[in-house]
């Protein structure tokens, strides 16, 4: 991996891009990007979220950060369960 590629990875991760997106832009494998990020404290950053606003939980409306999954709809498992089974006979 070149120094230029390393700098690109750092910049893209700080902008919120995931491993696969970074790998595609830089032209190296996803595993190489992931390994570099883990060694350099860039792992676990937020996935790129489309739009300017922070998503709101579908159940309670509370804003949350969708780490690792830009399509996440709920802030917690509790909100997911409440929304999934509200008003129904589930579990009865």
PDB file of N, CA and C in Angstrom:
ATOM      1  N   UNK A   1       0.848  -1.173   0.000  1.00  0.00           N
ATOM      2  CA  UNK A   1       0.000   0.000   0.000  1.00  0.00           C
ATOM      3  C   UNK A   1       0.896   1.240   0.000  1.00  0.00           C
ATOM      4  N   UNK A   2       0.575   2.182  -0.863  1.00  0.00           N
ATOM      5  CA  UNK A   2       1.385   3.394  -0.967  1.00  0.00           C
ATOM      6  C   UNK A   2       0.981   4.407   0.104  1.00  0.00           C
ATOM      7  N   UNK A   3       1.846   5.395   0.322  1.00  0.00           N
ATOM      8  CA  UNK A   3       1.531   6.465   1.265  1.00  0.00           C
ATOM      9  C   UNK A   3       0.300   7.251   0.802  1.00  0.00           C
ATOM     10  N   UNK A   4       0.171   7.405  -0.504  1.00  0.00           N
ATOM     11  CA  UNK A   4      -0.995   8.122  -1.054  1.00  0.00           C
ATOM     12  C   UNK A   4      -2.286   7.363  -0.735  1.00  0.00           C
ATOM     13  N   UNK A   5      -2.263   6.053  -0.877  1.00  0.00           N
ATOM     14  CA  UNK A   5      -3.440   5.242  -0.561  1.00  0.00           C
ATOM     15  C   UNK A   5      -3.774   5.330   0.931  1.00  0.00           C
ATOM     16  N   UNK A   6      -2.760   5.324   1.761  1.00  0.00           N
ATOM     17  CA  UNK A   6      -2.987   5.440   3.204  1.00  0.00           C
ATOM     18  C   UNK A   6      -3.673   6.760   3.534  1.00  0.00           C
ATOM     19  N   UNK A   7      -3.210   7.837   2.926  1.00  0.00           N
ATOM     20  CA  UNK A   7      -3.807   9.151   3.165  1.00  0.00           C
ATOM     21  C   UNK A   7      -5.249   9.200   2.667  1.00  0.00           C
ATOM     22  N   UNK A   8      -5.508   8.555   1.528  1.00  0.00           N
ATOM     23  CA  UNK A   8      -6.873   8.498   0.996  1.00  0.00           C
ATOM     24  C   UNK A   8      -7.791   7.747   1.958  1.00  0.00           C
ATOM     25  N   UNK A   9      -7.311   6.639   2.488  1.00  0.00           N
ATOM     26  CA  UNK A   9      -8.102   5.844   3.434  1.00  0.00           C
ATOM     27  C   UNK A   9      -8.447   6.685   4.656  1.00  0.00           C
ATOM     28  N   UNK A  10      -7.458   7.354   5.209  1.00  0.00           N
ATOM     29  CA  UNK A  10      -7.677   8.184   6.395  1.00  0.00           C
ATOM     30  C   UNK A  10      -8.719   9.256   6.111  1.00  0.00           C
ATOM     31  N   UNK A  11      -8.586   9.946   4.978  1.00  0.00           N
ATOM     32  CA  UNK A  11      -9.511  11.021   4.623  1.00  0.00           C
ATOM     33  C   UNK A  11     -10.929  10.484   4.432  1.00  0.00           C
ATOM     34  N   UNK A  12     -11.054   9.402   3.681  1.00  0.00           N
ATOM     35  CA  UNK A  12     -12.380   8.846   3.398  1.00  0.00           C
ATOM     36  C   UNK A  12     -13.065   8.313   4.650  1.00  0.00           C
ATOM     37  N   UNK A  13     -12.312   7.659   5.536  1.00  0.00           N
ATOM     38  CA  UNK A  13     -12.899   7.148   6.777  1.00  0.00           C
ATOM     39  C   UNK A  13     -13.371   8.293   7.658  1.00  0.00           C
ATOM     40  N   UNK A  14     -12.596   9.377   7.715  1.00  0.00           N
ATOM     41  CA  UNK A  14     -12.991  10.539   8.517  1.00  0.00           C
ATOM     42  C   UNK A  14     -14.228  11.216   7.934  1.00  0.00           C
ATOM     43  N   UNK A  15     -14.444  11.045   6.637  1.00  0.00           N
ATOM     44  CA  UNK A  15     -15.642  11.585   5.995  1.00  0.00           C
ATOM     45  C   UNK A  15     -16.842  10.668   6.198  1.00  0.00           C
ATOM     46  N   UNK A  16     -16.613   9.479   6.788  1.00  0.00           N
ATOM     47  CA  UNK A  16     -17.703   8.577   7.129  1.00  0.00           C
ATOM     48  C   UNK A  16     -17.920   7.420   6.181  1.00  0.00           C
ATOM     49  N   UNK A  17     -17.041   7.199   5.232  1.00  0.00           N
ATOM     50  CA  UNK A  17     -17.202   6.100   4.286  1.00  0.00           C
ATOM     51  C   UNK A  17     -16.879   4.767   4.947  1.00  0.00           C
ATOM     52  N   UNK A  18     -17.609   3.727   4.563  1.00  0.00           N
ATOM     53  CA  UNK A  18     -17.393   2.377   5.065  1.00  0.00           C
ATOM     54  C   UNK A  18     -16.217   1.718   4.364  1.00  0.00           C
ATOM     55  N   UNK A  19     -15.834   0.547   4.855  1.00  0.00           N
ATOM     56  CA  UNK A  19     -14.673  -0.164   4.309  1.00  0.00           C
ATOM     57  C   UNK A  19     -14.813  -0.471   2.819  1.00  0.00           C
ATOM     58  N   UNK A  20     -15.966  -0.945   2.412  1.00  0.00           N
ATOM     59  CA  UNK A  20     -16.159  -1.319   1.009  1.00  0.00           C
ATOM     60  C   UNK A  20     -16.074  -0.107   0.099  1.00  0.00           C
ATOM     61  N   UNK A  21     -16.713   0.992   0.495  1.00  0.00           N
ATOM     62  CA  UNK A  21     -16.667   2.216  -0.312  1.00  0.00           C
ATOM     63  C   UNK A  21     -15.237   2.732  -0.426  1.00  0.00           C
ATOM     64  N   UNK A  22     -14.510   2.700   0.678  1.00  0.00           N
ATOM     65  CA  UNK A  22     -13.112   3.155   0.665  1.00  0.00           C
ATOM     66  C   UNK A  22     -12.287   2.262  -0.252  1.00  0.00           C
ATOM     67  N   UNK A  23     -12.452   0.966  -0.110  1.00  0.00           N
ATOM     68  CA  UNK A  23     -11.694   0.013  -0.934  1.00  0.00           C
ATOM     69  C   UNK A  23     -11.949   0.251  -2.419  1.00  0.00           C
ATOM     70  N   UNK A  24     -13.198   0.479  -2.786  1.00  0.00           N
ATOM     71  CA  UNK A  24     -13.536   0.725  -4.185  1.00  0.00           C
ATOM     72  C   UNK A  24     -12.912   2.016  -4.700  1.00  0.00           C
ATOM     73  N   UNK A  25     -12.925   3.059  -3.880  1.00  0.00           N
ATOM     74  CA  UNK A  25     -12.365   4.347  -4.299  1.00  0.00           C
ATOM     75  C   UNK A  25     -10.840   4.315  -4.396  1.00  0.00           C
ATOM     76  N   UNK A  26     -10.201   3.594  -3.469  1.00  0.00           N
ATOM     77  CA  UNK A  26      -8.736   3.562  -3.423  1.00  0.00           C
ATOM     78  C   UNK A  26      -8.170   2.496  -4.355  1.00  0.00           C
ATOM     79  N   UNK A  27      -8.955   1.455  -4.638  1.00  0.00           N
ATOM     80  CA  UNK A  27      -8.501   0.403  -5.543  1.00  0.00           C
ATOM     81  C   UNK A  27      -7.737  -0.717  -4.874  1.00  0.00           C
ATOM     82  N   UNK A  28      -8.080  -0.996  -3.622  1.00  0.00           N
ATOM     83  CA  UNK A  28      -7.470  -2.113  -2.892  1.00  0.00           C
ATOM     84  C   UNK A  28      -8.587  -2.940  -2.262  1.00  0.00           C
ATOM     85  N   UNK A  29      -8.243  -4.069  -1.649  1.00  0.00           N
ATOM     86  CA  UNK A  29      -9.273  -4.948  -1.090  1.00  0.00           C
ATOM     87  C   UNK A  29      -9.875  -4.380   0.191  1.00  0.00           C
ATOM     88  N   UNK A  30     -11.113  -4.776   0.453  1.00  0.00           N
ATOM     89  CA  UNK A  30     -11.815  -4.358   1.661  1.00  0.00           C
ATOM     90  C   UNK A  30     -11.067  -4.830   2.907  1.00  0.00           C
ATOM     91  N   UNK A  31     -10.532  -6.043   2.874  1.00  0.00           N
ATOM     92  CA  UNK A  31      -9.807  -6.576   4.030  1.00  0.00           C
ATOM     93  C   UNK A  31      -8.540  -5.772   4.331  1.00  0.00           C
ATOM     94  N   UNK A  32      -7.878  -5.292   3.282  1.00  0.00           N
ATOM     95  CA  UNK A  32      -6.688  -4.460   3.476  1.00  0.00           C
ATOM     96  C   UNK A  32      -7.078  -3.146   4.141  1.00  0.00           C
ATOM     97  N   UNK A  33      -8.177  -2.558   3.691  1.00  0.00           N
ATOM     98  CA  UNK A  33      -8.660  -1.307   4.286  1.00  0.00           C
ATOM     99  C   UNK A  33      -9.032  -1.534   5.750  1.00  0.00           C
ATOM    100  N   UNK A  34      -9.768  -2.601   6.018  1.00  0.00           N
ATOM    101  CA  UNK A  34     -10.203  -2.900   7.377  1.00  0.00           C
ATOM    102  C   UNK A  34      -9.001  -3.100   8.305  1.00  0.00           C
ATOM    103  N   UNK A  35      -8.020  -3.835   7.836  1.00  0.00           N
ATOM    104  CA  UNK A  35      -6.820  -4.099   8.624  1.00  0.00           C
ATOM    105  C   UNK A  35      -6.063  -2.798   8.926  1.00  0.00           C
ATOM    106  N   UNK A  36      -5.898  -1.970   7.903  1.00  0.00           N
ATOM    107  CA  UNK A  36      -5.217  -0.683   8.083  1.00  0.00           C
ATOM    108  C   UNK A  36      -5.971   0.181   9.094  1.00  0.00           C
ATOM    109  N   UNK A  37      -7.292   0.221   8.975  1.00  0.00           N
ATOM    110  CA  UNK A  37      -8.108   1.040   9.873  1.00  0.00           C
ATOM    111  C   UNK A  37      -8.008   0.573  11.318  1.00  0.00           C
ATOM    112  N   UNK A  38      -8.024  -0.732  11.521  1.00  0.00           N
ATOM    113  CA  UNK A  38      -7.909  -1.264  12.878  1.00  0.00           C
ATOM    114  C   UNK A  38      -6.562  -0.927  13.498  1.00  0.00           C
ATOM    115  N   UNK A  39      -5.509  -1.014  12.704  1.00  0.00           N
ATOM    116  CA  UNK A  39      -4.163  -0.711  13.211  1.00  0.00           C
ATOM    117  C   UNK A  39      -3.961   0.770  13.480  1.00  0.00           C
ATOM    118  N   UNK A  40      -4.768   1.621  12.842  1.00  0.00           N
ATOM    119  CA  UNK A  40      -4.551   3.061  12.945  1.00  0.00           C
ATOM    120  C   UNK A  40      -5.701   3.811  13.618  1.00  0.00           C
ATOM    121  N   UNK A  41      -6.528   3.111  14.364  1.00  0.00           N
ATOM    122  CA  UNK A  41      -7.589   3.754  15.134  1.00  0.00           C
ATOM    123  C   UNK A  41      -8.717   4.334  14.301  1.00  0.00           C
ATOM    124  N   UNK A  42      -8.959   3.767  13.126  1.00  0.00           N
ATOM    125  CA  UNK A  42     -10.023   4.264  12.258  1.00  0.00           C
ATOM    126  C   UNK A  42     -11.177   3.279  12.139  1.00  0.00           C
ATOM    127  N   UNK A  43     -11.169   2.242  12.943  1.00  0.00           N
ATOM    128  CA  UNK A  43     -12.234   1.226  12.893  1.00  0.00           C
ATOM    129  C   UNK A  43     -13.437   1.711  13.682  1.00  0.00           C
ATOM    130  N   UNK A  44     -14.605   1.204  13.306  1.00  0.00           N
ATOM    131  CA  UNK A  44     -15.810   1.493  14.067  1.00  0.00           C
ATOM    132  C   UNK A  44     -16.401   2.865  13.842  1.00  0.00           C
ATOM    133  N   UNK A  45     -15.931   3.578  12.866  1.00  0.00           N
ATOM    134  CA  UNK A  45     -16.507   4.887  12.589  1.00  0.00           C
ATOM    135  C   UNK A  45     -17.885   4.727  11.992  1.00  0.00           C
ATOM    136  N   UNK A  46     -18.650   5.792  12.009  1.00  0.00           N
ATOM    137  CA  UNK A  46     -20.013   5.756  11.488  1.00  0.00           C
ATOM    138  C   UNK A  46     -20.019   5.539   9.988  1.00  0.00           C
ATOM    139  N   UNK A  47     -20.950   4.725   9.543  1.00  0.00           N
ATOM    140  CA  UNK A  47     -21.148   4.539   8.111  1.00  0.00           C
ATOM    141  C   UNK A  47     -21.690   5.826   7.530  1.00  0.00           C
ATOM    142  N   UNK A  48     -21.411   6.054   6.272  1.00  0.00           N
ATOM    143  CA  UNK A  48     -21.911   7.265   5.622  1.00  0.00           C
ATOM    144  C   UNK A  48     -23.430   7.252   5.622  1.00  0.00           C
ATOM    145  N   UNK A  49     -24.016   8.325   6.113  1.00  0.00           N
ATOM    146  CA  UNK A  49     -25.465   8.455   6.158  1.00  0.00           C
ATOM    147  C   UNK A  49     -25.862   9.465   5.098  1.00  0.00           C
ATOM    148  N   UNK A  50     -26.822   9.107   4.271  1.00  0.00           N
ATOM    149  CA  UNK A  50     -27.265  10.006   3.212  1.00  0.00           C
ATOM    150  C   UNK A  50     -28.003  11.184   3.826  1.00  0.00           C
ATOM    151  N   UNK A  51     -27.806  12.372   3.268  1.00  0.00           N
ATOM    152  CA  UNK A  51     -28.510  13.560   3.726  1.00  0.00           C
ATOM    153  C   UNK A  51     -27.750  14.267   4.831  1.00  0.00           C
ATOM    154  N   UNK A  52     -28.268  15.437   5.215  1.00  0.00           N
ATOM    155  CA  UNK A  52     -27.600  16.262   6.211  1.00  0.00           C
ATOM    156  C   UNK A  52     -28.084  15.976   7.628  1.00  0.00           C
ATOM    157  N   UNK A  53     -29.258  15.395   7.778  1.00  0.00           N
ATOM    158  CA  UNK A  53     -29.822  15.254   9.106  1.00  0.00           C
ATOM    159  C   UNK A  53     -29.499  13.896   9.722  1.00  0.00           C
ATOM    160  N   UNK A  54     -29.542  13.864  11.045  1.00  0.00           N
ATOM    161  CA  UNK A  54     -29.370  12.621  11.789  1.00  0.00           C
ATOM    162  C   UNK A  54     -30.710  11.901  11.739  1.00  0.00           C
ATOM    163  N   UNK A  55     -30.706  10.587  11.497  1.00  0.00           N
ATOM    164  CA  UNK A  55     -31.992   9.891  11.410  1.00  0.00           C
ATOM    165  C   UNK A  55     -32.718   9.870  12.746  1.00  0.00           C
ATOM    166  N   UNK A  56     -34.025   9.848  12.693  1.00  0.00           N
ATOM    167  CA  UNK A  56     -34.840   9.743  13.890  1.00  0.00           C
ATOM    168  C   UNK A  56     -35.393   8.325  13.980  1.00  0.00           C
ATOM    169  N   UNK A  57     -35.505   7.836  15.182  1.00  0.00           N
ATOM    170  CA  UNK A  57     -36.026   6.487  15.399  1.00  0.00           C
ATOM    171  C   UNK A  57     -37.458   6.405  14.890  1.00  0.00           C
ATOM    172  N   UNK A  58     -37.760   5.351  14.164  1.00  0.00           N
ATOM    173  CA  UNK A  58     -39.096   5.172  13.592  1.00  0.00           C
ATOM    174  C   UNK A  58     -40.170   5.063  14.688  1.00  0.00           C
ATOM    175  N   UNK A  59     -39.823   4.567  15.858  1.00  0.00           N
ATOM    176  CA  UNK A  59     -40.801   4.367  16.927  1.00  0.00           C
ATOM    177  C   UNK A  59     -40.938   5.593  17.824  1.00  0.00           C
ATOM    178  N   UNK A  60     -39.830   6.093  18.382  1.00  0.00           N
ATOM    179  CA  UNK A  60     -39.916   7.166  19.370  1.00  0.00           C
ATOM    180  C   UNK A  60     -39.510   8.539  18.820  1.00  0.00           C
ATOM    181  N   UNK A  61     -38.915   8.581  17.631  1.00  0.00           N
ATOM    182  CA  UNK A  61     -38.516   9.846  17.025  1.00  0.00           C
ATOM    183  C   UNK A  61     -37.194  10.395  17.531  1.00  0.00           C
ATOM    184  N   UNK A  62     -36.590   9.734  18.497  1.00  0.00           N
ATOM    185  CA  UNK A  62     -35.323  10.181  19.077  1.00  0.00           C
ATOM    186  C   UNK A  62     -34.205  10.080  18.035  1.00  0.00           C
ATOM    187  N   UNK A  63     -33.405  11.142  17.857  1.00  0.00           N
ATOM    188  CA  UNK A  63     -32.287  11.050  16.909  1.00  0.00           C
ATOM    189  C   UNK A  63     -31.240  10.061  17.407  1.00  0.00           C
ATOM    190  N   UNK A  64     -30.599   9.370  16.478  1.00  0.00           N
ATOM    191  CA  UNK A  64     -29.556   8.422  16.855  1.00  0.00           C
ATOM    192  C   UNK A  64     -28.533   8.334  15.736  1.00  0.00           C
ATOM    193  N   UNK A  65     -27.362   7.812  16.038  1.00  0.00           N
ATOM    194  CA  UNK A  65     -26.307   7.636  15.058  1.00  0.00           C
ATOM    195  C   UNK A  65     -26.307   6.189  14.610  1.00  0.00           C
ATOM    196  N   UNK A  66     -26.358   5.991  13.303  1.00  0.00           N
ATOM    197  CA  UNK A  66     -26.466   4.643  12.745  1.00  0.00           C
ATOM    198  C   UNK A  66     -25.080   4.072  12.479  1.00  0.00           C
ATOM    199  N   UNK A  67     -24.389   3.663  13.519  1.00  0.00           N
ATOM    200  CA  UNK A  67     -23.062   3.099  13.358  1.00  0.00           C
ATOM    201  C   UNK A  67     -23.124   1.788  12.603  1.00  0.00           C
ATOM    202  N   UNK A  68     -22.323   1.683  11.539  1.00  0.00           N
ATOM    203  CA  UNK A  68     -22.206   0.430  10.815  1.00  0.00           C
ATOM    204  C   UNK A  68     -23.355   0.086   9.887  1.00  0.00           C
ATOM    205  N   UNK A  69     -24.460   0.827   9.964  1.00  0.00           N
ATOM    206  CA  UNK A  69     -25.594   0.510   9.101  1.00  0.00           C
ATOM    207  C   UNK A  69     -26.369   1.783   8.828  1.00  0.00           C
ATOM    208  N   UNK A  70     -26.177   2.355   7.656  1.00  0.00           N
ATOM    209  CA  UNK A  70     -26.816   3.623   7.325  1.00  0.00           C
ATOM    210  C   UNK A  70     -28.317   3.497   7.125  1.00  0.00           C
ATOM    211  N   UNK A  71     -28.847   2.269   7.048  1.00  0.00           N
ATOM    212  CA  UNK A  71     -30.283   2.069   6.860  1.00  0.00           C
ATOM    213  C   UNK A  71     -31.010   1.727   8.158  1.00  0.00           C
ATOM    214  N   UNK A  72     -30.340   1.828   9.272  1.00  0.00           N
ATOM    215  CA  UNK A  72     -30.945   1.503  10.561  1.00  0.00           C
ATOM    216  C   UNK A  72     -32.156   2.400  10.827  1.00  0.00           C
ATOM    217  N   UNK A  73     -33.244   1.827  11.352  1.00  0.00           N
ATOM    218  CA  UNK A  73     -34.492   2.556  11.534  1.00  0.00           C
ATOM    219  C   UNK A  73     -34.858   2.793  12.996  1.00  0.00           C
ATOM    220  N   UNK A  74     -34.236   2.080  13.900  1.00  0.00           N
ATOM    221  CA  UNK A  74     -34.600   2.163  15.311  1.00  0.00           C
ATOM    222  C   UNK A  74     -33.374   2.490  16.153  1.00  0.00           C
ATOM    223  N   UNK A  75     -33.595   3.233  17.241  1.00  0.00           N
ATOM    224  CA  UNK A  75     -32.481   3.619  18.114  1.00  0.00           C
ATOM    225  C   UNK A  75     -32.074   2.492  19.053  1.00  0.00           C
ATOM    226  N   UNK A  76     -32.984   1.539  19.274  1.00  0.00           N
ATOM    227  CA  UNK A  76     -32.681   0.438  20.192  1.00  0.00           C
ATOM    228  C   UNK A  76     -33.530  -0.784  19.848  1.00  0.00           C
ATOM    229  N   UNK A  77     -33.143  -1.912  20.396  1.00  0.00           N
ATOM    230  CA  UNK A  77     -33.912  -3.136  20.207  1.00  0.00           C
ATOM    231  C   UNK A  77     -35.298  -2.981  20.831  1.00  0.00           C
ATOM    232  N   UNK A  78     -35.360  -2.298  21.957  1.00  0.00           N
ATOM    233  CA  UNK A  78     -36.640  -2.063  22.637  1.00  0.00           C
ATOM    234  C   UNK A  78     -37.627  -1.330  21.726  1.00  0.00           C
ATOM    235  N   UNK A  79     -37.163  -0.297  21.027  1.00  0.00           N
ATOM    236  CA  UNK A  79     -38.037   0.447  20.112  1.00  0.00           C
ATOM    237  C   UNK A  79     -38.454  -0.427  18.934  1.00  0.00           C
ATOM    238  N   UNK A  80     -37.547  -1.262  18.441  1.00  0.00           N
ATOM    239  CA  UNK A  80     -37.893  -2.178  17.357  1.00  0.00           C
ATOM    240  C   UNK A  80     -39.018  -3.111  17.790  1.00  0.00           C
ATOM    241  N   UNK A  81     -38.879  -3.734  18.967  1.00  0.00           N
ATOM    242  CA  UNK A  81     -39.876  -4.675  19.468  1.00  0.00           C
ATOM    243  C   UNK A  81     -41.214  -3.966  19.694  1.00  0.00           C
ATOM    244  N   UNK A  82     -41.167  -2.781  20.292  1.00  0.00           N
ATOM    245  CA  UNK A  82     -42.392  -2.028  20.544  1.00  0.00           C
ATOM    246  C   UNK A  82     -43.129  -1.733  19.238  1.00  0.00           C
ATOM    247  N   UNK A  83     -42.379  -1.328  18.186  1.00  0.00           N
ATOM    248  CA  UNK A  83     -42.991  -1.023  16.910  1.00  0.00           C
ATOM    249  C   UNK A  83     -43.463  -2.291  16.203  1.00  0.00           C
ATOM    250  N   UNK A  84     -42.699  -3.325  16.279  1.00  0.00           N
ATOM    251  CA  UNK A  84     -43.002  -4.568  15.575  1.00  0.00           C
ATOM    252  C   UNK A  84     -44.268  -5.236  16.087  1.00  0.00           C
ATOM    253  N   UNK A  85     -44.473  -5.177  17.391  1.00  0.00           N
ATOM    254  CA  UNK A  85     -45.578  -5.916  17.986  1.00  0.00           C
ATOM    255  C   UNK A  85     -46.671  -5.027  18.580  1.00  0.00           C
ATOM    256  N   UNK A  86     -46.651  -3.730  18.317  1.00  0.00           N
ATOM    257  CA  UNK A  86     -47.681  -2.870  18.923  1.00  0.00           C
ATOM    258  C   UNK A  86     -49.069  -3.164  18.349  1.00  0.00           C
ATOM    259  N   UNK A  87     -50.039  -3.152  19.218  1.00  0.00           N
ATOM    260  CA  UNK A  87     -51.429  -3.312  18.816  1.00  0.00           C
ATOM    261  C   UNK A  87     -51.816  -4.694  18.341  1.00  0.00           C
ATOM    262  N   UNK A  88     -50.867  -5.631  18.331  1.00  0.00           N
ATOM    263  CA  UNK A  88     -51.179  -6.966  17.837  1.00  0.00           C
ATOM    264  C   UNK A  88     -51.340  -7.973  18.949  1.00  0.00           C
ATOM    265  N   UNK A  89     -51.561  -9.215  18.580  1.00  0.00           N
ATOM    266  CA  UNK A  89     -51.699 -10.275  19.560  1.00  0.00           C
ATOM    267  C   UNK A  89     -50.400 -11.050  19.740  1.00  0.00           C
ATOM    268  N   UNK A  90     -49.289 -10.496  19.271  1.00  0.00           N
ATOM    269  CA  UNK A  90     -48.011 -11.214  19.320  1.00  0.00           C
ATOM    270  C   UNK A  90     -47.687 -11.617  20.756  1.00  0.00           C
ATOM    271  N   UNK A  91     -47.273 -12.855  20.885  1.00  0.00           N
ATOM    272  CA  UNK A  91     -46.852 -13.361  22.182  1.00  0.00           C
ATOM    273  C   UNK A  91     -48.007 -13.771  23.077  1.00  0.00           C
ATOM    274  N   UNK A  92     -49.234 -13.655  22.615  1.00  0.00           N
ATOM    275  CA  UNK A  92     -50.376 -14.025  23.464  1.00  0.00           C
ATOM    276  C   UNK A  92     -50.912 -15.385  23.099  1.00  0.00           C
TER     277      UNK A  92
END
